[in-house]
Amino acid sequence: MLQVAPVLLTASLLERTRNNVMVIEVWDKKTSAQNDQLVGIAKVSLHQLYMSFRDRRIANTLLKSQVRKIIMFIISNSNEIVAMIKITLFYYFI
């Protein structure tokens, strides 16, 4: 599955990433009449995004270089891996 969500990086959005996390729920979606099942929940820190873009000079350099940041994490249930998720953040200067 691939999902793209462009956002406008404003000062207020950047401030909201400070010391904050994004909560991701992973569901086993059923195609039949069975109920969907929650597989796991993961928290992804957004603070690094804040640290990268809080200084305008650093932010401009990152945006001009078209840097991408990859965050990978594994959701496990006991000793079993139930999901592997990769989040790629693309920074583009337009």
Protein backbone atom coordinates (compact mmCIF):
# COMPACT_ATOMS: atom_id res chain seq x y z
CA MET A 1 0.00 0.00 0.00
CA LEU A 2 1.23 3.47 -0.85
CA GLN A 3 -0.35 6.62 0.49
CA VAL A 4 0.82 10.13 -0.35
CA ALA A 5 -0.21 13.15 1.68
CA PRO A 6 1.41 16.47 0.75
CA VAL A 7 1.43 19.13 3.46
CA LEU A 8 2.34 22.79 3.54
CA LEU A 9 5.04 23.26 6.16
CA THR A 10 3.85 26.36 8.01
CA ALA A 11 5.19 27.73 11.29
CA SER A 12 2.13 26.48 13.16
CA LEU A 13 2.42 22.96 11.71
CA LEU A 14 6.12 22.89 12.51
CA GLU A 15 5.44 23.94 16.10
CA ARG A 16 2.89 21.12 16.43
CA THR A 17 5.61 18.57 15.53
CA ARG A 18 7.76 19.72 18.45
CA ASN A 19 7.96 16.95 21.08
CA ASN A 20 5.05 15.20 19.39
CA VAL A 21 4.36 11.81 17.82
CA MET A 22 2.21 10.41 15.04
CA VAL A 23 0.18 7.38 16.11
CA ILE A 24 -0.26 4.73 13.44
CA GLU A 25 -2.79 1.93 13.79
CA VAL A 26 -2.26 -1.25 11.78
CA TRP A 27 -5.44 -3.16 11.01
CA ASP A 28 -6.13 -6.54 9.46
CA LYS A 29 -8.98 -5.53 7.16
CA LYS A 30 -11.33 -8.39 6.37
CA THR A 31 -13.05 -8.68 3.01
CA SER A 32 -15.85 -10.83 4.35
CA ALA A 33 -18.43 -10.11 7.05
CA GLN A 34 -15.84 -10.71 9.80
CA ASN A 35 -14.83 -7.83 12.01
CA ASP A 36 -11.57 -6.04 11.28
CA GLN A 37 -8.84 -6.74 13.81
CA LEU A 38 -6.37 -4.28 15.30
CA VAL A 39 -2.89 -5.72 14.78
CA GLY A 40 -0.84 -3.08 16.53
CA ILE A 41 -0.17 0.56 17.28
CA ALA A 42 3.07 2.44 16.65
CA LYS A 43 4.23 5.90 17.67
CA VAL A 44 6.54 7.73 15.28
CA SER A 45 8.41 10.72 16.67
CA LEU A 46 7.87 13.96 14.74
CA HIS A 47 10.43 15.89 16.79
CA GLN A 48 13.24 15.24 14.27
CA LEU A 49 11.13 17.00 11.65
CA TYR A 50 10.90 19.99 13.98
CA MET A 51 14.66 19.92 14.65
CA SER A 52 15.42 19.80 10.91
CA PHE A 53 13.18 22.69 9.91
CA ARG A 54 13.18 25.06 12.88
CA ASP A 55 16.18 26.97 11.54
CA ARG A 56 15.32 28.64 8.22
CA ARG A 57 18.86 28.28 6.83
CA ILE A 58 18.95 24.54 7.49
CA ALA A 59 15.40 24.16 6.17
CA ASN A 60 16.29 25.93 2.91
CA THR A 61 19.33 23.69 2.44
CA LEU A 62 17.26 20.56 3.04
CA LEU A 63 14.55 21.69 0.67
CA LYS A 64 17.00 22.59 -2.11
CA SER A 65 18.83 19.27 -1.83
CA GLN A 66 15.60 17.26 -2.20
CA VAL A 67 16.54 15.14 0.80
CA ARG A 68 14.46 12.18 1.77
CA LYS A 69 14.23 10.73 5.24
CA ILE A 70 13.23 7.12 5.72
CA ILE A 71 11.73 5.91 8.99
CA MET A 72 11.32 2.17 9.35
CA PHE A 73 9.81 0.34 12.26
CA ILE A 74 8.42 -3.06 13.14
CA ILE A 75 5.22 -3.78 15.00
CA SER A 76 5.43 -6.99 16.97
CA ASN A 77 3.03 -8.97 19.09
CA SER A 78 4.98 -10.97 21.68
CA ASN A 79 7.84 -12.48 19.62
CA GLU A 80 6.03 -12.41 16.28
CA ILE A 81 6.48 -9.65 13.70
CA VAL A 82 3.05 -8.59 12.54
CA ALA A 83 3.88 -5.55 10.39
CA MET A 84 6.84 -3.69 8.93
CA ILE A 85 6.20 -0.08 7.96
CA LYS A 86 8.40 2.33 6.03
CA ILE A 87 7.61 6.04 6.00
CA THR A 88 9.49 8.20 3.51
CA LEU A 89 9.44 11.96 3.90
CA PHE A 90 10.34 13.88 0.76
CA TYR A 91 11.35 17.50 1.10
CA TYR A 92 10.95 19.52 -2.09
CA PHE A 93 11.59 23.18 -2.74
CA ILE A 94 9.11 24.69 -5.17
